[in-house]
All heavy atoms as atom14 arrays in JSON, in Angstrom:
{
  "sequence": "LALYAKFMSGEKRKNEESEMVMGPQDLGTVVNKQLLVV",
  "atom14_mask": [
    [1, 1, 1, 1, 1, 1, 1, 1, 0, 0, 0, 0, 0, 0],
    [1, 1, 1, 1, 1, 0, 0, 0, 0, 0, 0, 0, 0, 0],
    [1, 1, 1, 1, 1, 1, 1, 1, 0, 0, 0, 0, 0, 0],
    [1, 1, 1, 1, 1, 1, 1, 1, 1, 1, 1, 1, 0, 0],
    [1, 1, 1, 1, 1, 0, 0, 0, 0, 0, 0, 0, 0, 0],
    [1, 1, 1, 1, 1, 1, 1, 1, 1, 0, 0, 0, 0, 0],
    [1, 1, 1, 1, 1, 1, 1, 1, 1, 1, 1, 0, 0, 0],
    [1, 1, 1, 1, 1, 1, 1, 1, 0, 0, 0, 0, 0, 0],
    [1, 1, 1, 1, 1, 1, 0, 0, 0, 0, 0, 0, 0, 0],
    [1, 1, 1, 1, 0, 0, 0, 0, 0, 0, 0, 0, 0, 0],
    [1, 1, 1, 1, 1, 1, 1, 1, 1, 0, 0, 0, 0, 0],
    [1, 1, 1, 1, 1, 1, 1, 1, 1, 0, 0, 0, 0, 0],
    [1, 1, 1, 1, 1, 1, 1, 1, 1, 1, 1, 0, 0, 0],
    [1, 1, 1, 1, 1, 1, 1, 1, 1, 0, 0, 0, 0, 0],
    [1, 1, 1, 1, 1, 1, 1, 1, 0, 0, 0, 0, 0, 0],
    [1, 1, 1, 1, 1, 1, 1, 1, 1, 0, 0, 0, 0, 0],
    [1, 1, 1, 1, 1, 1, 1, 1, 1, 0, 0, 0, 0, 0],
    [1, 1, 1, 1, 1, 1, 0, 0, 0, 0, 0, 0, 0, 0],
    [1, 1, 1, 1, 1, 1, 1, 1, 1, 0, 0, 0, 0, 0],
    [1, 1, 1, 1, 1, 1, 1, 1, 0, 0, 0, 0, 0, 0],
    [1, 1, 1, 1, 1, 1, 1, 0, 0, 0, 0, 0, 0, 0],
    [1, 1, 1, 1, 1, 1, 1, 1, 0, 0, 0, 0, 0, 0],
    [1, 1, 1, 1, 0, 0, 0, 0, 0, 0, 0, 0, 0, 0],
    [1, 1, 1, 1, 1, 1, 1, 0, 0, 0, 0, 0, 0, 0],
    [1, 1, 1, 1, 1, 1, 1, 1, 1, 0, 0, 0, 0, 0],
    [1, 1, 1, 1, 1, 1, 1, 1, 0, 0, 0, 0, 0, 0],
    [1, 1, 1, 1, 1, 1, 1, 1, 0, 0, 0, 0, 0, 0],
    [1, 1, 1, 1, 0, 0, 0, 0, 0, 0, 0, 0, 0, 0],
    [1, 1, 1, 1, 1, 1, 1, 0, 0, 0, 0, 0, 0, 0],
    [1, 1, 1, 1, 1, 1, 1, 0, 0, 0, 0, 0, 0, 0],
    [1, 1, 1, 1, 1, 1, 1, 0, 0, 0, 0, 0, 0, 0],
    [1, 1, 1, 1, 1, 1, 1, 1, 0, 0, 0, 0, 0, 0],
    [1, 1, 1, 1, 1, 1, 1, 1, 1, 0, 0, 0, 0, 0],
    [1, 1, 1, 1, 1, 1, 1, 1, 1, 0, 0, 0, 0, 0],
    [1, 1, 1, 1, 1, 1, 1, 1, 0, 0, 0, 0, 0, 0],
    [1, 1, 1, 1, 1, 1, 1, 1, 0, 0, 0, 0, 0, 0],
    [1, 1, 1, 1, 1, 1, 1, 0, 0, 0, 0, 0, 0, 0],
    [1, 1, 1, 1, 1, 1, 1, 0, 0, 0, 0, 0, 0, 0]
  ],
  "atom14_positions": [
    [[-77.79, 177.54, 129.01], [-78.55, 178.3, 127.99], [-79.8, 178.94, 128.54], [-80.1, 180.11, 128.27], [-78.92, 177.34, 126.83], [-79.62, 177.98, 125.63], [-78.72, 179.01, 124.99], [-79.99, 176.92, 124.61], [0.0, 0.0, 0.0], [0.0, 0.0, 0.0], [0.0, 0.0, 0.0], [0.0, 0.0, 0.0], [0.0, 0.0, 0.0], [0.0, 0.0, 0.0]],
    [[-80.49, 178.21, 129.42], [-81.73, 178.74, 130.02], [-81.45, 179.92, 130.96], [-82.1, 180.96, 130.88], [-82.44, 177.63, 130.79], [0.0, 0.0, 0.0], [0.0, 0.0, 0.0], [0.0, 0.0, 0.0], [0.0, 0.0, 0.0], [0.0, 0.0, 0.0], [0.0, 0.0, 0.0], [0.0, 0.0, 0.0], [0.0, 0.0, 0.0], [0.0, 0.0, 0.0]],
    [[-80.43, 179.75, 131.8], [-80.11, 180.87, 132.73], [-79.49, 182.07, 132.03], [-79.73, 183.22, 132.4], [-79.19, 180.33, 133.85], [-79.82, 179.36, 134.82], [-78.79, 178.82, 135.81], [-80.98, 180.01, 135.62], [0.0, 0.0, 0.0], [0.0, 0.0, 0.0], [0.0, 0.0, 0.0], [0.0, 0.0, 0.0], [0.0, 0.0, 0.0], [0.0, 0.0, 0.0]],
    [[-78.68, 181.78, 131.01], [-78.08, 182.87, 130.23], [-79.17, 183.64, 129.48], [-79.12, 184.87, 129.38], [-77.05, 182.3, 129.26], [-76.27, 183.37, 128.48], [-75.69, 184.44, 129.14], [-76.15, 183.27, 127.08], [-74.98, 185.43, 128.46], [-75.45, 184.24, 126.4], [-74.86, 185.32, 127.07], [-74.18, 186.28, 126.37], [0.0, 0.0, 0.0], [0.0, 0.0, 0.0]],
    [[-80.18, 182.93, 128.98], [-81.32, 183.57, 128.33], [-82.05, 184.47, 129.33], [-82.49, 185.57, 129.01], [-82.26, 182.56, 127.74], [0.0, 0.0, 0.0], [0.0, 0.0, 0.0], [0.0, 0.0, 0.0], [0.0, 0.0, 0.0], [0.0, 0.0, 0.0], [0.0, 0.0, 0.0], [0.0, 0.0, 0.0], [0.0, 0.0, 0.0], [0.0, 0.0, 0.0]],
    [[-82.2, 183.97, 130.58], [-82.81, 184.79, 131.61], [-82.01, 186.05, 131.89], [-82.55, 187.16, 132.03], [-82.9, 183.93, 132.91], [-84.06, 184.3, 133.81], [-85.35, 183.77, 133.29], [-86.5, 184.11, 134.21], [-87.8, 184.1, 133.5], [0.0, 0.0, 0.0], [0.0, 0.0, 0.0], [0.0, 0.0, 0.0], [0.0, 0.0, 0.0], [0.0, 0.0, 0.0]],
    [[-80.7, 185.87, 131.98], [-79.79, 187.0, 132.19], [-79.91, 188.02, 131.06], [-80.04, 189.23, 131.31], [-78.35, 186.46, 132.25], [-77.29, 187.51, 132.39], [-76.86, 187.93, 133.63], [-76.65, 188.01, 131.26], [-75.86, 188.9, 133.79], [-75.63, 188.98, 131.37], [-75.24, 189.42, 132.63], [0.0, 0.0, 0.0], [0.0, 0.0, 0.0], [0.0, 0.0, 0.0]],
    [[-79.94, 187.55, 129.78], [-80.05, 188.43, 128.64], [-81.41, 189.09, 128.58], [-81.53, 190.22, 128.13], [-79.77, 187.66, 127.35], [-78.31, 187.2, 127.19], [-77.14, 188.59, 127.24], [-77.55, 189.44, 125.76], [0.0, 0.0, 0.0], [0.0, 0.0, 0.0], [0.0, 0.0, 0.0], [0.0, 0.0, 0.0], [0.0, 0.0, 0.0], [0.0, 0.0, 0.0]],
    [[-82.42, 188.42, 129.03], [-83.78, 188.98, 129.07], [-83.77, 190.2, 130.0], [-84.32, 191.28, 129.69], [-84.78, 187.94, 129.56], [-85.99, 188.55, 129.94], [0.0, 0.0, 0.0], [0.0, 0.0, 0.0], [0.0, 0.0, 0.0], [0.0, 0.0, 0.0], [0.0, 0.0, 0.0], [0.0, 0.0, 0.0], [0.0, 0.0, 0.0], [0.0, 0.0, 0.0]],
    [[-83.09, 190.08, 131.14], [-82.95, 191.17, 132.09], [-82.19, 192.34, 131.51], [-82.55, 193.52, 131.68], [0.0, 0.0, 0.0], [0.0, 0.0, 0.0], [0.0, 0.0, 0.0], [0.0, 0.0, 0.0], [0.0, 0.0, 0.0], [0.0, 0.0, 0.0], [0.0, 0.0, 0.0], [0.0, 0.0, 0.0], [0.0, 0.0, 0.0], [0.0, 0.0, 0.0]],
    [[-81.12, 192.02, 130.74], [-80.34, 193.12, 130.09], [-81.15, 193.83, 129.05], [-81.11, 195.07, 128.96], [-79.1, 192.49, 129.47], [-78.02, 192.04, 130.44], [-77.4, 193.17, 131.2], [-76.74, 194.02, 130.59], [-77.59, 193.19, 132.43], [0.0, 0.0, 0.0], [0.0, 0.0, 0.0], [0.0, 0.0, 0.0], [0.0, 0.0, 0.0], [0.0, 0.0, 0.0]],
    [[-81.94, 193.06, 128.3], [-82.78, 193.65, 127.25], [-83.83, 194.59, 127.88], [-84.05, 195.7, 127.41], [-83.46, 192.53, 126.43], [-84.32, 193.03, 125.31], [-85.0, 191.87, 124.6], [-85.96, 192.36, 123.51], [-86.74, 191.22, 122.98], [0.0, 0.0, 0.0], [0.0, 0.0, 0.0], [0.0, 0.0, 0.0], [0.0, 0.0, 0.0], [0.0, 0.0, 0.0]],
    [[-84.46, 194.11, 128.96], [-85.5, 194.92, 129.61], [-84.85, 196.14, 130.28], [-85.49, 197.22, 130.31], [-86.22, 194.06, 130.63], [-87.59, 194.63, 131.07], [-88.52, 193.56, 131.61], [-89.04, 192.71, 130.53], [-88.84, 191.41, 130.46], [-88.15, 190.79, 131.38], [-89.33, 190.7, 129.46], [0.0, 0.0, 0.0], [0.0, 0.0, 0.0], [0.0, 0.0, 0.0]],
    [[-83.68, 196.01, 130.78], [-82.98, 197.14, 131.4], [-82.78, 198.27, 130.36], [-83.01, 199.41, 130.62], [-81.63, 196.71, 131.95], [-80.88, 197.8, 132.66], [-79.53, 197.32, 133.23], [-78.47, 197.34, 132.18], [-77.12, 197.13, 132.74], [0.0, 0.0, 0.0], [0.0, 0.0, 0.0], [0.0, 0.0, 0.0], [0.0, 0.0, 0.0], [0.0, 0.0, 0.0]],
    [[-82.37, 197.84, 129.15], [-82.16, 198.82, 128.06], [-83.48, 199.46, 127.65], [-83.53, 200.66, 127.35], [-81.5, 198.15, 126.85], [-80.04, 197.82, 127.12], [-79.4, 198.41, 127.98], [-79.54, 196.81, 126.41], [0.0, 0.0, 0.0], [0.0, 0.0, 0.0], [0.0, 0.0, 0.0], [0.0, 0.0, 0.0], [0.0, 0.0, 0.0], [0.0, 0.0, 0.0]],
    [[-84.54, 198.66, 127.64], [-85.85, 199.2, 127.23], [-86.37, 200.21, 128.25], [-87.02, 201.17, 127.9], [-86.85, 198.07, 127.06], [-86.58, 197.19, 125.84], [-87.37, 195.88, 125.84], [-88.08, 195.61, 126.83], [-87.31, 195.16, 124.84], [0.0, 0.0, 0.0], [0.0, 0.0, 0.0], [0.0, 0.0, 0.0], [0.0, 0.0, 0.0], [0.0, 0.0, 0.0]],
    [[-86.07, 199.94, 129.53], [-86.6, 200.8, 130.6], [-85.75, 202.04, 130.79], [-86.19, 203.01, 131.43], [-86.68, 200.03, 131.91], [-87.79, 198.97, 131.9], [-87.71, 198.07, 133.15], [-86.87, 198.35, 134.05], [-88.52, 197.15, 133.25], [0.0, 0.0, 0.0], [0.0, 0.0, 0.0], [0.0, 0.0, 0.0], [0.0, 0.0, 0.0], [0.0, 0.0, 0.0]],
    [[-84.53, 202.06, 130.24], [-83.64, 203.19, 130.41], [-84.22, 204.38, 129.56], [-84.75, 204.17, 128.47], [-82.24, 202.87, 129.9], [-81.66, 201.87, 130.7], [0.0, 0.0, 0.0], [0.0, 0.0, 0.0], [0.0, 0.0, 0.0], [0.0, 0.0, 0.0], [0.0, 0.0, 0.0], [0.0, 0.0, 0.0], [0.0, 0.0, 0.0], [0.0, 0.0, 0.0]],
    [[-84.14, 205.55, 130.13], [-84.64, 206.75, 129.43], [-83.68, 207.09, 128.28], [-82.62, 206.5, 128.09], [-84.71, 207.91, 130.43], [-85.75, 207.7, 131.5], [-87.18, 207.79, 131.0], [-87.39, 208.51, 129.99], [-88.07, 207.15, 131.59], [0.0, 0.0, 0.0], [0.0, 0.0, 0.0], [0.0, 0.0, 0.0], [0.0, 0.0, 0.0], [0.0, 0.0, 0.0]],
    [[-84.08, 208.1, 127.49], [-83.26, 208.58, 126.4], [-81.85, 208.98, 126.95], [-81.74, 209.52, 128.05], [-83.93, 209.81, 125.79], [-83.14, 210.42, 124.63], [-83.94, 211.88, 123.99], [-83.51, 213.04, 125.28], [0.0, 0.0, 0.0], [0.0, 0.0, 0.0], [0.0, 0.0, 0.0], [0.0, 0.0, 0.0], [0.0, 0.0, 0.0], [0.0, 0.0, 0.0]],
    [[-80.83, 208.6, 126.18], [-79.43, 208.89, 126.63], [-79.28, 210.35, 126.97], [-79.58, 211.21, 126.15], [-78.42, 208.48, 125.51], [-77.02, 208.9, 125.9], [-78.49, 206.96, 125.28], [0.0, 0.0, 0.0], [0.0, 0.0, 0.0], [0.0, 0.0, 0.0], [0.0, 0.0, 0.0], [0.0, 0.0, 0.0], [0.0, 0.0, 0.0], [0.0, 0.0, 0.0]],
    [[-78.78, 210.63, 128.2], [-78.56, 211.98, 128.69], [-79.84, 212.8, 128.79], [-79.82, 214.0, 128.84], [-77.54, 212.74, 127.82], [-76.15, 212.14, 127.87], [-75.29, 212.42, 129.45], [-74.85, 214.12, 129.24], [0.0, 0.0, 0.0], [0.0, 0.0, 0.0], [0.0, 0.0, 0.0], [0.0, 0.0, 0.0], [0.0, 0.0, 0.0], [0.0, 0.0, 0.0]],
    [[-80.98, 212.11, 128.78], [-82.27, 212.8, 128.96], [-82.46, 213.18, 130.42], [-81.68, 212.76, 131.3], [0.0, 0.0, 0.0], [0.0, 0.0, 0.0], [0.0, 0.0, 0.0], [0.0, 0.0, 0.0], [0.0, 0.0, 0.0], [0.0, 0.0, 0.0], [0.0, 0.0, 0.0], [0.0, 0.0, 0.0], [0.0, 0.0, 0.0], [0.0, 0.0, 0.0]],
    [[-83.53, 213.92, 130.75], [-83.72, 214.36, 132.12], [-83.89, 213.26, 133.14], [-83.55, 213.39, 134.32], [-84.98, 215.23, 132.04], [-85.67, 214.84, 130.76], [-84.55, 214.39, 129.84], [0.0, 0.0, 0.0], [0.0, 0.0, 0.0], [0.0, 0.0, 0.0], [0.0, 0.0, 0.0], [0.0, 0.0, 0.0], [0.0, 0.0, 0.0], [0.0, 0.0, 0.0]],
    [[-84.38, 212.08, 132.69], [-84.63, 210.94, 133.6], [-83.5, 209.89, 133.56], [-83.6, 208.87, 134.18], [-85.97, 210.28, 133.32], [-87.16, 211.21, 133.43], [-87.3, 211.83, 134.83], [-87.13, 211.13, 135.81], [-87.57, 213.13, 134.87], [0.0, 0.0, 0.0], [0.0, 0.0, 0.0], [0.0, 0.0, 0.0], [0.0, 0.0, 0.0], [0.0, 0.0, 0.0]],
    [[-82.5, 210.1, 132.66], [-81.46, 209.12, 132.46], [-80.42, 209.28, 133.58], [-79.49, 210.05, 133.48], [-80.79, 209.29, 131.09], [-79.69, 208.27, 130.89], [-79.71, 207.23, 131.54], [-78.77, 208.56, 130.07], [0.0, 0.0, 0.0], [0.0, 0.0, 0.0], [0.0, 0.0, 0.0], [0.0, 0.0, 0.0], [0.0, 0.0, 0.0], [0.0, 0.0, 0.0]],
    [[-80.6, 208.51, 134.66], [-79.71, 208.58, 135.79], [-78.7, 207.44, 135.83], [-77.86, 207.36, 136.72], [-80.53, 208.6, 137.09], [-81.62, 209.67, 137.19], [-82.44, 209.5, 138.45], [-81.02, 211.06, 137.13], [0.0, 0.0, 0.0], [0.0, 0.0, 0.0], [0.0, 0.0, 0.0], [0.0, 0.0, 0.0], [0.0, 0.0, 0.0], [0.0, 0.0, 0.0]],
    [[-78.83, 206.49, 134.91], [-77.92, 205.34, 134.85], [-78.1, 204.4, 136.04], [-77.21, 203.69, 136.39], [0.0, 0.0, 0.0], [0.0, 0.0, 0.0], [0.0, 0.0, 0.0], [0.0, 0.0, 0.0], [0.0, 0.0, 0.0], [0.0, 0.0, 0.0], [0.0, 0.0, 0.0], [0.0, 0.0, 0.0], [0.0, 0.0, 0.0], [0.0, 0.0, 0.0]],
    [[-79.34, 204.36, 136.58], [-79.57, 203.58, 137.79], [-80.44, 202.35, 137.55], [-80.72, 201.6, 138.49], [-80.22, 204.43, 138.88], [-81.39, 205.04, 138.34], [-79.27, 205.54, 139.34], [0.0, 0.0, 0.0], [0.0, 0.0, 0.0], [0.0, 0.0, 0.0], [0.0, 0.0, 0.0], [0.0, 0.0, 0.0], [0.0, 0.0, 0.0], [0.0, 0.0, 0.0]],
    [[-80.86, 202.13, 136.32], [-81.71, 200.96, 136.01], [-80.88, 199.71, 136.13], [-79.75, 199.65, 135.65], [-82.37, 201.08, 134.61], [-83.3, 199.93, 134.34], [-83.07, 202.42, 134.43], [0.0, 0.0, 0.0], [0.0, 0.0, 0.0], [0.0, 0.0, 0.0], [0.0, 0.0, 0.0], [0.0, 0.0, 0.0], [0.0, 0.0, 0.0], [0.0, 0.0, 0.0]],
    [[-81.44, 198.68, 136.78], [-80.67, 197.44, 136.99], [-81.3, 196.25, 136.28], [-82.52, 196.31, 135.94], [-80.54, 197.12, 138.48], [-79.72, 198.19, 139.19], [-81.87, 196.95, 139.18], [0.0, 0.0, 0.0], [0.0, 0.0, 0.0], [0.0, 0.0, 0.0], [0.0, 0.0, 0.0], [0.0, 0.0, 0.0], [0.0, 0.0, 0.0], [0.0, 0.0, 0.0]],
    [[-80.55, 195.19, 136.11], [-81.07, 193.94, 135.56], [-81.83, 193.2, 136.66], [-81.19, 192.7, 137.61], [-79.89, 193.13, 135.01], [-80.3, 191.84, 134.4], [-81.42, 191.3, 134.6], [-79.41, 191.26, 133.6], [0.0, 0.0, 0.0], [0.0, 0.0, 0.0], [0.0, 0.0, 0.0], [0.0, 0.0, 0.0], [0.0, 0.0, 0.0], [0.0, 0.0, 0.0]],
    [[-83.12, 193.09, 136.53], [-83.94, 192.5, 137.6], [-83.87, 190.97, 137.62], [-84.4, 190.35, 138.53], [-85.4, 192.97, 137.45], [-85.55, 194.47, 137.74], [-86.93, 194.97, 137.41], [-87.02, 196.47, 137.64], [-88.25, 197.07, 137.11], [0.0, 0.0, 0.0], [0.0, 0.0, 0.0], [0.0, 0.0, 0.0], [0.0, 0.0, 0.0], [0.0, 0.0, 0.0]],
    [[-83.25, 190.39, 136.6], [-83.12, 188.93, 136.58], [-81.87, 188.43, 137.31], [-81.69, 187.23, 137.46], [-83.11, 188.43, 135.13], [-84.37, 188.71, 134.34], [-85.61, 188.03, 134.91], [-85.47, 187.05, 135.68], [-86.79, 188.48, 134.57], [0.0, 0.0, 0.0], [0.0, 0.0, 0.0], [0.0, 0.0, 0.0], [0.0, 0.0, 0.0], [0.0, 0.0, 0.0]],
    [[-81.02, 189.34, 137.73], [-79.77, 188.94, 138.4], [-80.09, 188.13, 139.67], [-79.43, 187.12, 139.98], [-78.92, 190.13, 138.78], [-78.29, 190.93, 137.61], [-77.51, 192.09, 138.17], [-77.4, 190.05, 136.79], [0.0, 0.0, 0.0], [0.0, 0.0, 0.0], [0.0, 0.0, 0.0], [0.0, 0.0, 0.0], [0.0, 0.0, 0.0], [0.0, 0.0, 0.0]],
    [[-81.13, 188.54, 140.41], [-81.5, 187.87, 141.64], [-81.88, 186.42, 141.35], [-81.4, 185.48, 142.03], [-82.66, 188.59, 142.3], [-83.12, 188.04, 143.63], [-82.06, 188.14, 144.69], [-84.38, 188.78, 144.09], [0.0, 0.0, 0.0], [0.0, 0.0, 0.0], [0.0, 0.0, 0.0], [0.0, 0.0, 0.0], [0.0, 0.0, 0.0], [0.0, 0.0, 0.0]],
    [[-82.74, 186.21, 140.37], [-83.18, 184.86, 140.04], [-82.05, 183.96, 139.58], [-81.86, 182.82, 140.07], [-84.28, 184.91, 138.94], [-84.69, 183.51, 138.52], [-85.51, 185.69, 139.43], [0.0, 0.0, 0.0], [0.0, 0.0, 0.0], [0.0, 0.0, 0.0], [0.0, 0.0, 0.0], [0.0, 0.0, 0.0], [0.0, 0.0, 0.0], [0.0, 0.0, 0.0]],
    [[-81.27, 184.48, 138.61], [-80.15, 183.68, 138.06], [-79.13, 183.39, 139.16], [-78.64, 182.26, 139.29], [-79.49, 184.41, 136.89], [-78.28, 183.64, 136.34], [-80.5, 184.66, 135.74], [0.0, 0.0, 0.0], [0.0, 0.0, 0.0], [0.0, 0.0, 0.0], [0.0, 0.0, 0.0], [0.0, 0.0, 0.0], [0.0, 0.0, 0.0], [0.0, 0.0, 0.0]]
  ]
}
């Protein structure tokens, strides 16, 4: 539960940091930064 929450936290932050869909900065390159820790 703890590690899965960490994983989901990274997914949530990845979505928040992603630019507007098909916007000029939306390159689809934002990654989940919690993958390394988990």
